[in-house]
Amino acid sequence: MKKILLLCSAGMSTSIVVKKMKDAAAVKGIEAQIEAVGLEQFHDKLGEYDVFLLGPQVRFKKDELSKIAAEHGKKVEVINSMDYGMMKGEKILDFAIELIG
């Protein structure tokens, strides 16, 4: 099971991206737990997920969160702005799975 957490500034658009990613995972037959939470929950969720994707609006936190995640063998990356804006759930899912390895 792949565990992917999207971090945002509690925006509605991220929950739509999560739904599109879940739909893409179902079509591809990929077992995945995909959720979205506000940025402030990162520390609480660190042990529960394989990879963390930042909404483009919070990209400024990438360096700070990457250092913390790296200590736990995890990655933090920013979702491509175009993919995010166009709600390309399948492409974002593929990106997350590639990061997990």
C-alpha atoms as a PDB file:
ATOM      1  CA  MET A   1       0.000   0.000   0.000  1.00  0.00           C
ATOM      2  CA  LYS A   2       1.353   3.394  -1.053  1.00  0.00           C
ATOM      3  CA  LYS A   3       0.700   6.162   1.464  1.00  0.00           C
ATOM      4  CA  ILE A   4       0.671   9.664  -0.003  1.00  0.00           C
ATOM      5  CA  LEU A   5      -0.074  12.863   1.888  1.00  0.00           C
ATOM      6  CA  LEU A   6      -0.753  16.187   0.217  1.00  0.00           C
ATOM      7  CA  LEU A   7      -0.024  19.275   2.272  1.00  0.00           C
ATOM      8  CA  CYS A   8      -1.689  22.574   1.547  1.00  0.00           C
ATOM      9  CA  SER A   9      -2.901  25.731   3.175  1.00  0.00           C
ATOM     10  CA  ALA A  10      -6.253  23.992   3.798  1.00  0.00           C
ATOM     11  CA  GLY A  11      -7.577  24.740   0.320  1.00  0.00           C
ATOM     12  CA  MET A  12     -10.541  23.089  -1.344  1.00  0.00           C
ATOM     13  CA  SER A  13      -8.631  22.440  -4.564  1.00  0.00           C
ATOM     14  CA  THR A  14      -6.308  19.945  -2.867  1.00  0.00           C
ATOM     15  CA  SER A  15      -9.228  17.732  -1.841  1.00  0.00           C
ATOM     16  CA  ILE A  16     -10.314  17.624  -5.497  1.00  0.00           C
ATOM     17  CA  VAL A  17      -6.781  16.577  -6.502  1.00  0.00           C
ATOM     18  CA  VAL A  18      -6.925  13.798  -3.874  1.00  0.00           C
ATOM     19  CA  LYS A  19     -10.189  12.495  -5.334  1.00  0.00           C
ATOM     20  CA  LYS A  20      -8.722  12.487  -8.856  1.00  0.00           C
ATOM     21  CA  MET A  21      -5.612  10.675  -7.569  1.00  0.00           C
ATOM     22  CA  LYS A  22      -7.761   8.051  -5.802  1.00  0.00           C
ATOM     23  CA  ASP A  23      -9.793   7.543  -8.984  1.00  0.00           C
ATOM     24  CA  ALA A  24      -6.576   7.087 -11.000  1.00  0.00           C
ATOM     25  CA  ALA A  25      -5.219   4.599  -8.432  1.00  0.00           C
ATOM     26  CA  ALA A  26      -8.442   2.568  -8.643  1.00  0.00           C
ATOM     27  CA  VAL A  27      -8.285   2.455 -12.454  1.00  0.00           C
ATOM     28  CA  LYS A  28      -4.621   1.371 -12.337  1.00  0.00           C
ATOM     29  CA  GLY A  29      -5.238  -1.204  -9.603  1.00  0.00           C
ATOM     30  CA  ILE A  30      -2.857   0.530  -7.208  1.00  0.00           C
ATOM     31  CA  GLU A  31      -3.535   0.201  -3.499  1.00  0.00           C
ATOM     32  CA  ALA A  32      -3.051   3.693  -2.129  1.00  0.00           C
ATOM     33  CA  GLN A  33      -3.997   5.754   0.867  1.00  0.00           C
ATOM     34  CA  ILE A  34      -4.136   9.352  -0.319  1.00  0.00           C
ATOM     35  CA  GLU A  35      -5.135  12.218   1.960  1.00  0.00           C
ATOM     36  CA  ALA A  36      -4.770  15.974   2.195  1.00  0.00           C
ATOM     37  CA  VAL A  37      -4.227  18.009   5.349  1.00  0.00           C
ATOM     38  CA  GLY A  38      -3.132  21.481   6.293  1.00  0.00           C
ATOM     39  CA  LEU A  39       0.585  22.147   6.459  1.00  0.00           C
ATOM     40  CA  GLU A  40       0.498  22.406  10.250  1.00  0.00           C
ATOM     41  CA  GLN A  41      -0.220  18.643  10.525  1.00  0.00           C
ATOM     42  CA  PHE A  42       3.037  17.594   8.824  1.00  0.00           C
ATOM     43  CA  HIS A  43       4.853  16.676  12.056  1.00  0.00           C
ATOM     44  CA  ASP A  44       1.901  14.607  13.329  1.00  0.00           C
ATOM     45  CA  LYS A  45       1.652  12.652  10.071  1.00  0.00           C
ATOM     46  CA  LEU A  46       5.371  12.127   9.385  1.00  0.00           C
ATOM     47  CA  GLY A  47       5.451   8.514  10.563  1.00  0.00           C
ATOM     48  CA  GLU A  48       2.260   7.501   8.750  1.00  0.00           C
ATOM     49  CA  TYR A  49       3.043   8.292   5.085  1.00  0.00           C
ATOM     50  CA  ASP A  50       5.625   7.292   2.474  1.00  0.00           C
ATOM     51  CA  VAL A  51       5.808  10.612   0.628  1.00  0.00           C
ATOM     52  CA  PHE A  52       4.612  14.187   1.102  1.00  0.00           C
ATOM     53  CA  LEU A  53       3.488  16.416  -1.751  1.00  0.00           C
ATOM     54  CA  LEU A  54       3.191  20.161  -1.281  1.00  0.00           C
ATOM     55  CA  GLY A  55       0.546  22.197  -3.035  1.00  0.00           C
ATOM     56  CA  PRO A  56       2.198  24.898  -5.170  1.00  0.00           C
ATOM     57  CA  GLN A  57       0.883  27.593  -2.818  1.00  0.00           C
ATOM     58  CA  VAL A  58       3.083  26.272   0.026  1.00  0.00           C
ATOM     59  CA  ARG A  59       6.217  25.494  -2.018  1.00  0.00           C
ATOM     60  CA  PHE A  60       8.189  27.908   0.191  1.00  0.00           C
ATOM     61  CA  LYS A  61       8.156  25.234   2.952  1.00  0.00           C
ATOM     62  CA  LYS A  62       9.888  22.570   0.829  1.00  0.00           C
ATOM     63  CA  ASP A  63      13.464  23.019   2.108  1.00  0.00           C
ATOM     64  CA  GLU A  64      12.426  23.123   5.755  1.00  0.00           C
ATOM     65  CA  LEU A  65      10.141  20.075   5.545  1.00  0.00           C
ATOM     66  CA  SER A  66      12.534  18.114   3.302  1.00  0.00           C
ATOM     67  CA  LYS A  67      15.255  18.262   5.964  1.00  0.00           C
ATOM     68  CA  ILE A  68      12.889  16.912   8.621  1.00  0.00           C
ATOM     69  CA  ALA A  69      11.486  14.199   6.325  1.00  0.00           C
ATOM     70  CA  ALA A  70      14.969  13.106   5.214  1.00  0.00           C
ATOM     71  CA  GLU A  71      15.814  12.250   8.826  1.00  0.00           C
ATOM     72  CA  HIS A  72      13.009   9.676   8.584  1.00  0.00           C
ATOM     73  CA  GLY A  73      13.968   8.441   5.112  1.00  0.00           C
ATOM     74  CA  LYS A  74      11.027  10.207   3.443  1.00  0.00           C
ATOM     75  CA  LYS A  75      10.689  12.734   0.620  1.00  0.00           C
ATOM     76  CA  VAL A  76       8.891  16.047   0.262  1.00  0.00           C
ATOM     77  CA  GLU A  77       8.282  17.472  -3.207  1.00  0.00           C
ATOM     78  CA  VAL A  78       6.174  20.219  -4.736  1.00  0.00           C
ATOM     79  CA  ILE A  79       3.342  19.266  -7.096  1.00  0.00           C
ATOM     80  CA  ASN A  80       3.858  20.681 -10.580  1.00  0.00           C
ATOM     81  CA  SER A  81       1.793  23.889 -10.775  1.00  0.00           C
ATOM     82  CA  MET A  82       0.291  23.032 -14.158  1.00  0.00           C
ATOM     83  CA  ASP A  83      -0.690  19.506 -13.071  1.00  0.00           C
ATOM     84  CA  TYR A  84      -2.182  20.895  -9.871  1.00  0.00           C
ATOM     85  CA  GLY A  85      -4.090  23.656 -11.616  1.00  0.00           C
ATOM     86  CA  MET A  86      -5.468  21.270 -14.243  1.00  0.00           C
ATOM     87  CA  MET A  87      -6.271  18.642 -11.575  1.00  0.00           C
ATOM     88  CA  LYS A  88      -4.237  15.936 -13.337  1.00  0.00           C
ATOM     89  CA  GLY A  89      -4.684  13.296 -10.656  1.00  0.00           C
ATOM     90  CA  GLU A  90      -3.138  10.476 -12.664  1.00  0.00           C
ATOM     91  CA  LYS A  91       0.022  12.455 -13.401  1.00  0.00           C
ATOM     92  CA  ILE A  92       0.379  13.546  -9.765  1.00  0.00           C
ATOM     93  CA  LEU A  93      -0.186   9.946  -8.616  1.00  0.00           C
ATOM     94  CA  ASP A  94       2.530   8.716 -10.999  1.00  0.00           C
ATOM     95  CA  PHE A  95       4.892  11.405  -9.646  1.00  0.00           C
ATOM     96  CA  ALA A  96       4.226  10.318  -6.043  1.00  0.00           C
ATOM     97  CA  ILE A  97       4.760   6.621  -6.814  1.00  0.00           C
ATOM     98  CA  GLU A  98       8.005   7.430  -8.616  1.00  0.00           C
ATOM     99  CA  LEU A  99       9.208   9.271  -5.493  1.00  0.00           C
ATOM    100  CA  ILE A 100       8.345   6.339  -3.249  1.00  0.00           C
ATOM    101  CA  GLY A 101      10.333   4.008  -5.512  1.00  0.00           C
END
